């Protein structure tokens, strides 16, 4: 999900086939809809960081996975965040509540597009 300095907002996601664009608004793109362990790749065009106010990186599980009793915990899924010249970080999704079908993972805010892990929230 992206919020922009002009007040607009959008979500780039496989749901609804909203894959975005790197060269024009929304300046981020999702490569494919993939339910395999290989996963999906979301790219952000860092040449347009002044256009972004906030980026929220999230994952959703499909209907098949949502039916698994352990939810995210049973997937062994991870999210890897990389940035040019800044290395990478991996976030395991095994601490999500059992009934969760979506999980906010990290957010980047305008101040240099710094990324932080979203705080754990339980319902």
PDB file of N, CA and C in Angstrom:
ATOM      1  N   UNK A   1       0.852  -1.159   0.000  1.00  0.00           N
ATOM      2  CA  UNK A   1       0.000   0.000   0.000  1.00  0.00           C
ATOM      3  C   UNK A   1       0.902   1.228   0.000  1.00  0.00           C
ATOM      4  N   UNK A   2       0.511   2.223  -0.722  1.00  0.00           N
ATOM      5  CA  UNK A   2       1.326   3.426  -0.830  1.00  0.00           C
ATOM      6  C   UNK A   2       0.475   4.663  -0.603  1.00  0.00           C
ATOM      7  N   UNK A   3       1.009   5.592   0.180  1.00  0.00           N
ATOM      8  CA  UNK A   3       0.399   6.909   0.358  1.00  0.00           C
ATOM      9  C   UNK A   3       1.402   7.913  -0.213  1.00  0.00           C
ATOM     10  N   UNK A   4       0.896   8.888  -0.941  1.00  0.00           N
ATOM     11  CA  UNK A   4       1.739   9.833  -1.656  1.00  0.00           C
ATOM     12  C   UNK A   4       1.630  11.230  -1.065  1.00  0.00           C
ATOM     13  N   UNK A   5       2.642  12.038  -1.321  1.00  0.00           N
ATOM     14  CA  UNK A   5       2.673  13.393  -0.782  1.00  0.00           C
ATOM     15  C   UNK A   5       1.554  14.276  -1.345  1.00  0.00           C
ATOM     16  N   UNK A   6       0.972  13.894  -2.479  1.00  0.00           N
ATOM     17  CA  UNK A   6      -0.142  14.673  -3.040  1.00  0.00           C
ATOM     18  C   UNK A   6      -1.494  14.276  -2.436  1.00  0.00           C
ATOM     19  N   UNK A   7      -1.484  13.350  -1.472  1.00  0.00           N
ATOM     20  CA  UNK A   7      -2.712  12.929  -0.807  1.00  0.00           C
ATOM     21  C   UNK A   7      -3.339  11.677  -1.397  1.00  0.00           C
ATOM     22  N   UNK A   8      -2.872  11.217  -2.532  1.00  0.00           N
ATOM     23  CA  UNK A   8      -3.439  10.011  -3.136  1.00  0.00           C
ATOM     24  C   UNK A   8      -2.862   8.770  -2.458  1.00  0.00           C
ATOM     25  N   UNK A   9      -3.517   7.643  -2.706  1.00  0.00           N
ATOM     26  CA  UNK A   9      -3.073   6.365  -2.142  1.00  0.00           C
ATOM     27  C   UNK A   9      -3.513   5.240  -3.071  1.00  0.00           C
ATOM     28  N   UNK A  10      -2.803   4.127  -3.009  1.00  0.00           N
ATOM     29  CA  UNK A  10      -3.169   2.964  -3.813  1.00  0.00           C
ATOM     30  C   UNK A  10      -2.589   1.712  -3.173  1.00  0.00           C
ATOM     31  N   UNK A  11      -3.051   0.575  -3.646  1.00  0.00           N
ATOM     32  CA  UNK A  11      -2.478  -0.713  -3.246  1.00  0.00           C
ATOM     33  C   UNK A  11      -2.036  -1.435  -4.506  1.00  0.00           C
ATOM     34  N   UNK A  12      -0.825  -1.946  -4.495  1.00  0.00           N
ATOM     35  CA  UNK A  12      -0.309  -2.774  -5.585  1.00  0.00           C
ATOM     36  C   UNK A  12      -0.339  -4.197  -5.042  1.00  0.00           C
ATOM     37  N   UNK A  13      -1.152  -5.041  -5.674  1.00  0.00           N
ATOM     38  CA  UNK A  13      -1.338  -6.396  -5.164  1.00  0.00           C
ATOM     39  C   UNK A  13      -1.898  -7.301  -6.244  1.00  0.00           C
ATOM     40  N   UNK A  14      -1.717  -8.589  -6.043  1.00  0.00           N
ATOM     41  CA  UNK A  14      -2.229  -9.552  -7.010  1.00  0.00           C
ATOM     42  C   UNK A  14      -3.760  -9.557  -7.013  1.00  0.00           C
ATOM     43  N   UNK A  15      -4.353  -9.361  -5.853  1.00  0.00           N
ATOM     44  CA  UNK A  15      -5.806  -9.304  -5.755  1.00  0.00           C
ATOM     45  C   UNK A  15      -6.317  -8.161  -6.621  1.00  0.00           C
ATOM     46  N   UNK A  16      -7.133  -8.472  -7.595  1.00  0.00           N
ATOM     47  CA  UNK A  16      -7.634  -7.458  -8.513  1.00  0.00           C
ATOM     48  C   UNK A  16      -6.680  -7.156  -9.648  1.00  0.00           C
ATOM     49  N   UNK A  17      -5.598  -7.919  -9.742  1.00  0.00           N
ATOM     50  CA  UNK A  17      -4.597  -7.734 -10.803  1.00  0.00           C
ATOM     51  C   UNK A  17      -4.100  -6.297 -10.890  1.00  0.00           C
ATOM     52  N   UNK A  18      -3.810  -5.704  -9.751  1.00  0.00           N
ATOM     53  CA  UNK A  18      -3.294  -4.347  -9.674  1.00  0.00           C
ATOM     54  C   UNK A  18      -1.784  -4.436  -9.503  1.00  0.00           C
ATOM     55  N   UNK A  19      -1.057  -4.625 -10.611  1.00  0.00           N
ATOM     56  CA  UNK A  19       0.373  -4.903 -10.558  1.00  0.00           C
ATOM     57  C   UNK A  19       1.254  -3.658 -10.610  1.00  0.00           C
ATOM     58  N   UNK A  20       0.705  -2.485 -10.906  1.00  0.00           N
ATOM     59  CA  UNK A  20       1.453  -1.239 -10.863  1.00  0.00           C
ATOM     60  C   UNK A  20       2.405  -1.025 -12.017  1.00  0.00           C
ATOM     61  N   UNK A  21       3.285  -0.031 -11.869  1.00  0.00           N
ATOM     62  CA  UNK A  21       4.264   0.340 -12.890  1.00  0.00           C
ATOM     63  C   UNK A  21       5.453   1.012 -12.208  1.00  0.00           C
ATOM     64  N   UNK A  22       6.646   0.716 -12.681  1.00  0.00           N
ATOM     65  CA  UNK A  22       7.840   1.377 -12.148  1.00  0.00           C
ATOM     66  C   UNK A  22       8.111   2.719 -12.806  1.00  0.00           C
ATOM     67  N   UNK A  23       7.759   2.846 -14.082  1.00  0.00           N
ATOM     68  CA  UNK A  23       8.118   4.046 -14.839  1.00  0.00           C
ATOM     69  C   UNK A  23       7.083   5.160 -14.745  1.00  0.00           C
ATOM     70  N   UNK A  24       5.887   4.856 -14.251  1.00  0.00           N
ATOM     71  CA  UNK A  24       4.855   5.869 -14.053  1.00  0.00           C
ATOM     72  C   UNK A  24       4.117   5.550 -12.755  1.00  0.00           C
ATOM     73  N   UNK A  25       3.233   6.466 -12.351  1.00  0.00           N
ATOM     74  CA  UNK A  25       2.494   6.265 -11.109  1.00  0.00           C
ATOM     75  C   UNK A  25       1.867   4.882 -11.115  1.00  0.00           C
ATOM     76  N   UNK A  26       2.039   4.075 -10.113  1.00  0.00           N
ATOM     77  CA  UNK A  26       2.384   4.376  -8.725  1.00  0.00           C
ATOM     78  C   UNK A  26       3.860   4.207  -8.369  1.00  0.00           C
ATOM     79  N   UNK A  27       4.745   4.010  -9.350  1.00  0.00           N
ATOM     80  CA  UNK A  27       6.194   3.884  -9.155  1.00  0.00           C
ATOM     81  C   UNK A  27       6.591   2.659  -8.334  1.00  0.00           C
ATOM     82  N   UNK A  28       5.737   1.667  -8.309  1.00  0.00           N
ATOM     83  CA  UNK A  28       6.052   0.371  -7.721  1.00  0.00           C
ATOM     84  C   UNK A  28       5.291  -0.692  -8.487  1.00  0.00           C
ATOM     85  N   UNK A  29       5.868  -1.891  -8.509  1.00  0.00           N
ATOM     86  CA  UNK A  29       5.252  -2.951  -9.301  1.00  0.00           C
ATOM     87  C   UNK A  29       5.439  -4.312  -8.637  1.00  0.00           C
ATOM     88  N   UNK A  30       4.461  -5.157  -8.816  1.00  0.00           N
ATOM     89  CA  UNK A  30       4.499  -6.540  -8.351  1.00  0.00           C
ATOM     90  C   UNK A  30       4.707  -7.411  -9.580  1.00  0.00           C
ATOM     91  N   UNK A  31       5.650  -8.348  -9.496  1.00  0.00           N
ATOM     92  CA  UNK A  31       6.017  -9.110 -10.690  1.00  0.00           C
ATOM     93  C   UNK A  31       4.978 -10.149 -11.110  1.00  0.00           C
ATOM     94  N   UNK A  32       4.268 -10.769 -10.157  1.00  0.00           N
ATOM     95  CA  UNK A  32       3.333 -11.840 -10.516  1.00  0.00           C
ATOM     96  C   UNK A  32       2.461 -12.196  -9.325  1.00  0.00           C
ATOM     97  N   UNK A  33       1.460 -13.022  -9.570  1.00  0.00           N
ATOM     98  CA  UNK A  33       0.649 -13.618  -8.523  1.00  0.00           C
ATOM     99  C   UNK A  33       1.164 -15.040  -8.367  1.00  0.00           C
ATOM    100  N   UNK A  34       1.812 -15.334  -7.256  1.00  0.00           N
ATOM    101  CA  UNK A  34       2.492 -16.612  -7.102  1.00  0.00           C
ATOM    102  C   UNK A  34       2.250 -17.184  -5.714  1.00  0.00           C
ATOM    103  N   UNK A  35       1.581 -18.329  -5.645  1.00  0.00           N
ATOM    104  CA  UNK A  35       1.326 -18.995  -4.367  1.00  0.00           C
ATOM    105  C   UNK A  35       2.346 -20.076  -4.062  1.00  0.00           C
ATOM    106  N   UNK A  36       3.442 -20.122  -4.820  1.00  0.00           N
ATOM    107  CA  UNK A  36       4.463 -21.134  -4.580  1.00  0.00           C
ATOM    108  C   UNK A  36       5.488 -20.588  -3.588  1.00  0.00           C
ATOM    109  N   UNK A  37       6.366 -21.433  -3.073  1.00  0.00           N
ATOM    110  CA  UNK A  37       7.398 -20.955  -2.155  1.00  0.00           C
ATOM    111  C   UNK A  37       8.329 -19.903  -2.768  1.00  0.00           C
ATOM    112  N   UNK A  38       8.423 -19.851  -4.089  1.00  0.00           N
ATOM    113  CA  UNK A  38       9.274 -18.838  -4.733  1.00  0.00           C
ATOM    114  C   UNK A  38       8.759 -17.437  -4.441  1.00  0.00           C
ATOM    115  N   UNK A  39       7.459 -17.281  -4.311  1.00  0.00           N
ATOM    116  CA  UNK A  39       6.858 -16.018  -3.915  1.00  0.00           C
ATOM    117  C   UNK A  39       6.797 -14.971  -5.000  1.00  0.00           C
ATOM    118  N   UNK A  40       6.599 -13.746  -4.554  1.00  0.00           N
ATOM    119  CA  UNK A  40       6.420 -12.609  -5.443  1.00  0.00           C
ATOM    120  C   UNK A  40       7.498 -11.572  -5.156  1.00  0.00           C
ATOM    121  N   UNK A  41       7.720 -10.693  -6.109  1.00  0.00           N
ATOM    122  CA  UNK A  41       8.730  -9.650  -5.968  1.00  0.00           C
ATOM    123  C   UNK A  41       8.066  -8.293  -6.186  1.00  0.00           C
ATOM    124  N   UNK A  42       8.168  -7.432  -5.190  1.00  0.00           N
ATOM    125  CA  UNK A  42       7.655  -6.074  -5.283  1.00  0.00           C
ATOM    126  C   UNK A  42       8.850  -5.139  -5.421  1.00  0.00           C
ATOM    127  N   UNK A  43       8.823  -4.289  -6.439  1.00  0.00           N
ATOM    128  CA  UNK A  43       9.911  -3.333  -6.667  1.00  0.00           C
ATOM    129  C   UNK A  43       9.372  -1.914  -6.491  1.00  0.00           C
ATOM    130  N   UNK A  44      10.223  -1.053  -5.934  1.00  0.00           N
ATOM    131  CA  UNK A  44       9.893   0.357  -5.736  1.00  0.00           C
ATOM    132  C   UNK A  44      10.915   1.178  -6.498  1.00  0.00           C
ATOM    133  N   UNK A  45      10.463   2.132  -7.310  1.00  0.00           N
ATOM    134  CA  UNK A  45      11.367   3.006  -8.051  1.00  0.00           C
ATOM    135  C   UNK A  45      11.858   4.104  -7.113  1.00  0.00           C
ATOM    136  N   UNK A  46      13.099   3.962  -6.625  1.00  0.00           N
ATOM    137  CA  UNK A  46      13.654   4.897  -5.649  1.00  0.00           C
ATOM    138  C   UNK A  46      13.988   6.260  -6.236  1.00  0.00           C
ATOM    139  N   UNK A  47      13.864   6.425  -7.548  1.00  0.00           N
ATOM    140  CA  UNK A  47      14.040   7.748  -8.162  1.00  0.00           C
ATOM    141  C   UNK A  47      12.871   8.670  -7.805  1.00  0.00           C
ATOM    142  N   UNK A  48      11.777   8.089  -7.285  1.00  0.00           N
ATOM    143  CA  UNK A  48      10.584   8.869  -6.968  1.00  0.00           C
ATOM    144  C   UNK A  48      10.298   8.905  -5.463  1.00  0.00           C
ATOM    145  N   UNK A  49      11.329   8.797  -4.634  1.00  0.00           N
ATOM    146  CA  UNK A  49      11.096   8.767  -3.188  1.00  0.00           C
ATOM    147  C   UNK A  49      10.392  10.018  -2.676  1.00  0.00           C
ATOM    148  N   UNK A  50      10.581  11.162  -3.334  1.00  0.00           N
ATOM    149  CA  UNK A  50       9.908  12.383  -2.879  1.00  0.00           C
ATOM    150  C   UNK A  50       8.397  12.324  -3.130  1.00  0.00           C
ATOM    151  N   UNK A  51       7.941  11.430  -3.985  1.00  0.00           N
ATOM    152  CA  UNK A  51       6.509  11.276  -4.237  1.00  0.00           C
ATOM    153  C   UNK A  51       5.817  10.459  -3.140  1.00  0.00           C
ATOM    154  N   UNK A  52       6.580   9.612  -2.450  1.00  0.00           N
ATOM    155  CA  UNK A  52       6.007   8.746  -1.425  1.00  0.00           C
ATOM    156  C   UNK A  52       5.975   9.436  -0.078  1.00  0.00           C
ATOM    157  N   UNK A  53       4.861   9.282   0.615  1.00  0.00           N
ATOM    158  CA  UNK A  53       4.773   9.702   2.014  1.00  0.00           C
ATOM    159  C   UNK A  53       4.990   8.484   2.906  1.00  0.00           C
ATOM    160  N   UNK A  54       4.410   7.350   2.489  1.00  0.00           N
ATOM    161  CA  UNK A  54       4.510   6.130   3.291  1.00  0.00           C
ATOM    162  C   UNK A  54       4.242   4.919   2.412  1.00  0.00           C
ATOM    163  N   UNK A  55       5.022   3.874   2.614  1.00  0.00           N
ATOM    164  CA  UNK A  55       4.781   2.584   1.968  1.00  0.00           C
ATOM    165  C   UNK A  55       4.565   1.557   3.066  1.00  0.00           C
ATOM    166  N   UNK A  56       3.508   0.784   2.954  1.00  0.00           N
ATOM    167  CA  UNK A  56       3.240  -0.291   3.899  1.00  0.00           C
ATOM    168  C   UNK A  56       3.332  -1.603   3.134  1.00  0.00           C
ATOM    169  N   UNK A  57       4.262  -2.444   3.537  1.00  0.00           N
ATOM    170  CA  UNK A  57       4.460  -3.738   2.892  1.00  0.00           C
ATOM    171  C   UNK A  57       3.664  -4.776   3.671  1.00  0.00           C
ATOM    172  N   UNK A  58       2.810  -5.503   2.962  1.00  0.00           N
ATOM    173  CA  UNK A  58       1.966  -6.487   3.623  1.00  0.00           C
ATOM    174  C   UNK A  58       1.866  -7.741   2.770  1.00  0.00           C
ATOM    175  N   UNK A  59       1.457  -8.803   3.398  1.00  0.00           N
ATOM    176  CA  UNK A  59       1.222 -10.059   2.682  1.00  0.00           C
ATOM    177  C   UNK A  59      -0.170 -10.560   3.013  1.00  0.00           C
ATOM    178  N   UNK A  60      -0.769 -11.224   2.054  1.00  0.00           N
ATOM    179  CA  UNK A  60      -2.078 -11.860   2.235  1.00  0.00           C
ATOM    180  C   UNK A  60      -1.954 -13.307   1.803  1.00  0.00           C
ATOM    181  N   UNK A  61      -2.666 -14.178   2.481  1.00  0.00           N
ATOM    182  CA  UNK A  61      -2.662 -15.577   2.078  1.00  0.00           C
ATOM    183  C   UNK A  61      -3.913 -15.864   1.273  1.00  0.00           C
ATOM    184  N   UNK A  62      -3.784 -16.770   0.307  1.00  0.00           N
ATOM    185  CA  UNK A  62      -4.921 -17.165  -0.511  1.00  0.00           C
ATOM    186  C   UNK A  62      -5.877 -18.054   0.256  1.00  0.00           C
ATOM    187  N   UNK A  63      -7.000 -18.368  -0.361  1.00  0.00           N
ATOM    188  CA  UNK A  63      -8.030 -19.184   0.291  1.00  0.00           C
ATOM    189  C   UNK A  63      -7.519 -20.547   0.713  1.00  0.00           C
ATOM    190  N   UNK A  64      -6.655 -21.153  -0.092  1.00  0.00           N
ATOM    191  CA  UNK A  64      -6.140 -22.481   0.233  1.00  0.00           C
ATOM    192  C   UNK A  64      -5.315 -22.440   1.507  1.00  0.00           C
ATOM    193  N   UNK A  65      -4.438 -21.467   1.615  1.00  0.00           N
ATOM    194  CA  UNK A  65      -3.587 -21.347   2.792  1.00  0.00           C
ATOM    195  C   UNK A  65      -4.415 -20.905   3.997  1.00  0.00           C
ATOM    196  N   UNK A  66      -5.404 -20.038   3.790  1.00  0.00           N
ATOM    197  CA  UNK A  66      -6.231 -19.565   4.896  1.00  0.00           C
ATOM    198  C   UNK A  66      -6.956 -20.720   5.580  1.00  0.00           C
ATOM    199  N   UNK A  67      -7.187 -21.801   4.855  1.00  0.00           N
ATOM    200  CA  UNK A  67      -7.876 -22.958   5.426  1.00  0.00           C
ATOM    201  C   UNK A  67      -6.949 -23.824   6.280  1.00  0.00           C
ATOM    202  N   UNK A  68      -5.640 -23.602   6.199  1.00  0.00           N
ATOM    203  CA  UNK A  68      -4.684 -24.371   6.998  1.00  0.00           C
ATOM    204  C   UNK A  68      -4.807 -23.924   8.456  1.00  0.00           C
ATOM    205  N   UNK A  69      -5.013 -24.857   9.388  1.00  0.00           N
ATOM    206  CA  UNK A  69      -5.235 -24.485  10.788  1.00  0.00           C
ATOM    207  C   UNK A  69      -4.147 -23.618  11.406  1.00  0.00           C
ATOM    208  N   UNK A  70      -2.906 -23.789  10.989  1.00  0.00           N
ATOM    209  CA  UNK A  70      -1.820 -23.003  11.591  1.00  0.00           C
ATOM    210  C   UNK A  70      -1.588 -21.677  10.883  1.00  0.00           C
ATOM    211  N   UNK A  71      -2.324 -21.382   9.808  1.00  0.00           N
ATOM    212  CA  UNK A  71      -2.195 -20.113   9.098  1.00  0.00           C
ATOM    213  C   UNK A  71      -0.766 -19.821   8.668  1.00  0.00           C
ATOM    214  N   UNK A  72      -0.334 -18.578   8.856  1.00  0.00           N
ATOM    215  CA  UNK A  72       1.026 -18.173   8.496  1.00  0.00           C
ATOM    216  C   UNK A  72       2.081 -19.015   9.202  1.00  0.00           C
ATOM    217  N   UNK A  73       1.794 -19.418  10.439  1.00  0.00           N
ATOM    218  CA  UNK A  73       2.776 -20.151  11.246  1.00  0.00           C
ATOM    219  C   UNK A  73       3.241 -21.436  10.573  1.00  0.00           C
ATOM    220  N   UNK A  74       2.349 -22.107   9.880  1.00  0.00           N
ATOM    221  CA  UNK A  74       2.697 -23.370   9.254  1.00  0.00           C
ATOM    222  C   UNK A  74       3.388 -23.241   7.906  1.00  0.00           C
ATOM    223  N   UNK A  75       3.496 -22.045   7.384  1.00  0.00           N
ATOM    224  CA  UNK A  75       4.075 -21.854   6.054  1.00  0.00           C
ATOM    225  C   UNK A  75       5.594 -21.790   6.051  1.00  0.00           C
ATOM    226  N   UNK A  76       6.178 -21.344   7.142  1.00  0.00           N
ATOM    227  CA  UNK A  76       7.616 -21.110   7.154  1.00  0.00           C
ATOM    228  C   UNK A  76       7.989 -19.961   6.237  1.00  0.00           C
ATOM    229  N   UNK A  77       7.067 -19.038   6.026  1.00  0.00           N
ATOM    230  CA  UNK A  77       7.262 -17.945   5.076  1.00  0.00           C
ATOM    231  C   UNK A  77       8.123 -16.826   5.667  1.00  0.00           C
ATOM    232  N   UNK A  78       8.901 -16.194   4.809  1.00  0.00           N
ATOM    233  CA  UNK A  78       9.693 -15.030   5.193  1.00  0.00           C
ATOM    234  C   UNK A  78       9.545 -13.943   4.136  1.00  0.00           C
ATOM    235  N   UNK A  79       9.777 -12.729   4.558  1.00  0.00           N
ATOM    236  CA  UNK A  79       9.821 -11.586   3.653  1.00  0.00           C
ATOM    237  C   UNK A  79      11.246 -11.050   3.714  1.00  0.00           C
ATOM    238  N   UNK A  80      11.838 -10.825   2.550  1.00  0.00           N
ATOM    239  CA  UNK A  80      13.180 -10.255   2.482  1.00  0.00           C
ATOM    240  C   UNK A  80      13.069  -8.850   1.911  1.00  0.00           C
ATOM    241  N   UNK A  81      13.642  -7.892   2.622  1.00  0.00           N
ATOM    242  CA  UNK A  81      13.648  -6.500   2.163  1.00  0.00           C
ATOM    243  C   UNK A  81      15.085  -6.126   1.843  1.00  0.00           C
ATOM    244  N   UNK A  82      15.314  -5.647   0.621  1.00  0.00           N
ATOM    245  CA  UNK A  82      16.655  -5.232   0.209  1.00  0.00           C
ATOM    246  C   UNK A  82      16.599  -3.814  -0.335  1.00  0.00           C
ATOM    247  N   UNK A  83      17.692  -3.106  -0.181  1.00  0.00           N
ATOM    248  CA  UNK A  83      17.818  -1.759  -0.736  1.00  0.00           C
ATOM    249  C   UNK A  83      19.238  -1.601  -1.247  1.00  0.00           C
ATOM    250  N   UNK A  84      19.412  -0.926  -2.381  1.00  0.00           N
ATOM    251  CA  UNK A  84      20.753  -0.735  -2.931  1.00  0.00           C
ATOM    252  C   UNK A  84      21.685  -0.092  -1.904  1.00  0.00           C
ATOM    253  N   UNK A  85      22.822  -0.735  -1.678  1.00  0.00           N
ATOM    254  CA  UNK A  85      23.815  -0.206  -0.764  1.00  0.00           C
ATOM    255  C   UNK A  85      23.477  -0.330   0.713  1.00  0.00           C
ATOM    256  N   UNK A  86      22.352  -0.957   1.040  1.00  0.00           N
ATOM    257  CA  UNK A  86      21.944  -1.036   2.446  1.00  0.00           C
ATOM    258  C   UNK A  86      21.809  -2.465   2.940  1.00  0.00           C
ATOM    259  N   UNK A  87      22.145  -3.448   2.117  1.00  0.00           N
ATOM    260  CA  UNK A  87      22.012  -4.836   2.540  1.00  0.00           C
ATOM    261  C   UNK A  87      20.570  -5.295   2.511  1.00  0.00           C
ATOM    262  N   UNK A  88      20.290  -6.326   3.293  1.00  0.00           N
ATOM    263  CA  UNK A  88      18.939  -6.858   3.304  1.00  0.00           C
ATOM    264  C   UNK A  88      18.574  -7.343   4.692  1.00  0.00           C
ATOM    265  N   UNK A  89      17.291  -7.528   4.893  1.00  0.00           N
ATOM    266  CA  UNK A  89      16.789  -8.060   6.151  1.00  0.00           C
ATOM    267  C   UNK A  89      15.686  -9.055   5.873  1.00  0.00           C
ATOM    268  N   UNK A  90      15.595 -10.078   6.705  1.00  0.00           N
ATOM    269  CA  UNK A  90      14.558 -11.094   6.557  1.00  0.00           C
ATOM    270  C   UNK A  90      13.621 -11.032   7.757  1.00  0.00           C
ATOM    271  N   UNK A  91      12.330 -11.116   7.489  1.00  0.00           N
ATOM    272  CA  UNK A  91      11.328 -11.097   8.538  1.00  0.00           C
ATOM    273  C   UNK A  91      10.494 -12.369   8.416  1.00  0.00           C
ATOM    274  N   UNK A  92      10.500 -13.170   9.469  1.00  0.00           N
ATOM    275  CA  UNK A  92       9.708 -14.406   9.487  1.00  0.00           C
ATOM    276  C   UNK A  92       8.255 -14.061   9.802  1.00  0.00           C
ATOM    277  N   UNK A  93       7.341 -14.772   9.164  1.00  0.00           N
ATOM    278  CA  UNK A  93       5.914 -14.528   9.381  1.00  0.00           C
ATOM    279  C   UNK A  93       5.298 -15.543  10.341  1.00  0.00           C
ATOM    280  N   UNK A  94       6.127 -16.205  11.114  1.00  0.00           N
ATOM    281  CA  UNK A  94       5.636 -17.276  11.973  1.00  0.00           C
ATOM    282  C   UNK A  94       5.040 -16.793  13.293  1.00  0.00           C
ATOM    283  N   UNK A  95       5.019 -15.489  13.535  1.00  0.00           N
ATOM    284  CA  UNK A  95       4.447 -14.979  14.775  1.00  0.00           C
ATOM    285  C   UNK A  95       3.069 -14.359  14.577  1.00  0.00           C
ATOM    286  N   UNK A  96       2.519 -14.478  13.386  1.00  0.00           N
ATOM    287  CA  UNK A  96       1.200 -13.926  13.113  1.00  0.00           C
ATOM    288  C   UNK A  96       0.141 -14.718  13.880  1.00  0.00           C
ATOM    289  N   UNK A  97      -0.945 -14.064  14.290  1.00  0.00           N
ATOM    290  CA  UNK A  97      -2.023 -14.808  14.945  1.00  0.00           C
ATOM    291  C   UNK A  97      -2.539 -15.922  14.040  1.00  0.00           C
ATOM    292  N   UNK A  98      -2.948 -17.022  14.614  1.00  0.00           N
ATOM    293  CA  UNK A  98      -3.381 -18.201  13.870  1.00  0.00           C
ATOM    294  C   UNK A  98      -4.461 -17.877  12.831  1.00  0.00           C
ATOM    295  N   UNK A  99      -5.411 -17.012  13.166  1.00  0.00           N
ATOM    296  CA  UNK A  99      -6.525 -16.712  12.258  1.00  0.00           C
ATOM    297  C   UNK A  99      -6.207 -15.633  11.222  1.00  0.00           C
ATOM    298  N   UNK A 100      -5.005 -15.081  11.262  1.00  0.00           N
ATOM    299  CA  UNK A 100      -4.646 -13.983  10.356  1.00  0.00           C
ATOM    300  C   UNK A 100      -4.595 -14.444   8.904  1.00  0.00           C
ATOM    301  N   UNK A 101      -5.180 -13.670   8.015  1.00  0.00           N
ATOM    302  CA  UNK A 101      -5.090 -13.925   6.578  1.00  0.00           C
ATOM    303  C   UNK A 101      -4.306 -12.813   5.882  1.00  0.00           C
ATOM    304  N   UNK A 102      -3.952 -11.772   6.631  1.00  0.00           N
ATOM    305  CA  UNK A 102      -3.124 -10.688   6.117  1.00  0.00           C
ATOM    306  C   UNK A 102      -2.201 -10.244   7.243  1.00  0.00           C
ATOM    307  N   UNK A 103      -1.046  -9.734   6.861  1.00  0.00           N
ATOM    308  CA  UNK A 103      -0.050  -9.356   7.865  1.00  0.00           C
ATOM    309  C   UNK A 103       0.752  -8.166   7.353  1.00  0.00           C
ATOM    310  N   UNK A 104       0.739  -7.053   8.117  1.00  0.00           N
ATOM    311  CA  UNK A 104       1.608  -5.928   7.804  1.00  0.00           C
ATOM    312  C   UNK A 104       3.016  -6.329   8.222  1.00  0.00           C
ATOM    313  N   UNK A 105       3.981  -6.137   7.344  1.00  0.00           N
ATOM    314  CA  UNK A 105       5.335  -6.620   7.590  1.00  0.00           C
ATOM    315  C   UNK A 105       6.295  -5.482   7.928  1.00  0.00           C
ATOM    316  N   UNK A 106       6.294  -4.441   7.119  1.00  0.00           N
ATOM    317  CA  UNK A 106       7.224  -3.332   7.319  1.00  0.00           C
ATOM    318  C   UNK A 106       6.643  -2.082   6.684  1.00  0.00           C
ATOM    319  N   UNK A 107       7.160  -0.934   7.100  1.00  0.00           N
ATOM    320  CA  UNK A 107       6.760   0.300   6.447  1.00  0.00           C
ATOM    321  C   UNK A 107       7.988   1.151   6.188  1.00  0.00           C
ATOM    322  N   UNK A 108       7.890   1.944   5.142  1.00  0.00           N
ATOM    323  CA  UNK A 108       8.937   2.905   4.813  1.00  0.00           C
ATOM    324  C   UNK A 108       8.273   4.277   4.831  1.00  0.00           C
ATOM    325  N   UNK A 109       8.941   5.228   5.453  1.00  0.00           N
ATOM    326  CA  UNK A 109       8.398   6.576   5.536  1.00  0.00           C
ATOM    327  C   UNK A 109       9.320   7.548   4.816  1.00  0.00           C
ATOM    328  N   UNK A 110       8.817   8.719   4.515  1.00  0.00           N
ATOM    329  CA  UNK A 110       9.500   9.674   3.658  1.00  0.00           C
ATOM    330  C   UNK A 110      10.915  10.024   4.081  1.00  0.00           C
ATOM    331  N   UNK A 111      11.199  10.133   5.349  1.00  0.00           N
ATOM    332  CA  UNK A 111      12.533  10.548   5.787  1.00  0.00           C
ATOM    333  C   UNK A 111      13.593   9.591   5.281  1.00  0.00           C
ATOM    334  N   UNK A 112      13.986   9.727   4.021  1.00  0.00           N
ATOM    335  CA  UNK A 112      15.010   8.868   3.440  1.00  0.00           C
ATOM    336  C   UNK A 112      14.519   7.466   3.138  1.00  0.00           C
ATOM    337  N   UNK A 113      13.217   7.271   3.147  1.00  0.00           N
ATOM    338  CA  UNK A 113      12.603   5.953   2.915  1.00  0.00           C
ATOM    339  C   UNK A 113      13.187   4.922   3.875  1.00  0.00           C
ATOM    340  N   UNK A 114      13.356   5.289   5.123  1.00  0.00           N
ATOM    341  CA  UNK A 114      13.801   4.335   6.134  1.00  0.00           C
ATOM    342  C   UNK A 114      12.734   3.273   6.334  1.00  0.00           C
ATOM    343  N   UNK A 115      13.169   2.041   6.510  1.00  0.00           N
ATOM    344  CA  UNK A 115      12.236   0.929   6.679  1.00  0.00           C
ATOM    345  C   UNK A 115      12.301   0.426   8.105  1.00  0.00           C
ATOM    346  N   UNK A 116      11.136   0.117   8.664  1.00  0.00           N
ATOM    347  CA  UNK A 116      11.092  -0.484   9.987  1.00  0.00           C
ATOM    348  C   UNK A 116      10.082  -1.614   9.982  1.00  0.00           C
ATOM    349  N   UNK A 117      10.317  -2.575  10.865  1.00  0.00           N
ATOM    350  CA  UNK A 117       9.386  -3.686  11.006  1.00  0.00           C
ATOM    351  C   UNK A 117       8.139  -3.186  11.716  1.00  0.00           C
ATOM    352  N   UNK A 118       6.982  -3.633  11.252  1.00  0.00           N
ATOM    353  CA  UNK A 118       5.733  -3.240  11.907  1.00  0.00           C
ATOM    354  C   UNK A 118       5.661  -3.883  13.285  1.00  0.00           C
ATOM    355  N   UNK A 119       5.135  -3.154  14.271  1.00  0.00           N
ATOM    356  CA  UNK A 119       5.024  -3.740  15.604  1.00  0.00           C
ATOM    357  C   UNK A 119       4.048  -4.906  15.604  1.00  0.00           C
ATOM    358  N   UNK A 120       4.294  -5.851  16.481  1.00  0.00           N
ATOM    359  CA  UNK A 120       3.398  -7.010  16.600  1.00  0.00           C
ATOM    360  C   UNK A 120       2.128  -6.579  17.288  1.00  0.00           C
ATOM    361  N   UNK A 121       1.012  -6.923  16.692  1.00  0.00           N
ATOM    362  CA  UNK A 121      -0.285  -6.630  17.295  1.00  0.00           C
ATOM    363  C   UNK A 121      -1.094  -7.905  17.304  1.00  0.00           C
ATOM    364  N   UNK A 122      -1.677  -8.189  18.416  1.00  0.00           N
ATOM    365  CA  UNK A 122      -2.512  -9.392  18.551  1.00  0.00           C
ATOM    366  C   UNK A 122      -3.940  -8.946  18.823  1.00  0.00           C
ATOM    367  N   UNK A 123      -4.888  -9.685  18.263  1.00  0.00           N
ATOM    368  CA  UNK A 123      -6.303  -9.393  18.541  1.00  0.00           C
ATOM    369  C   UNK A 123      -6.798 -10.296  19.626  1.00  0.00           C
TER     370      UNK A 123
END
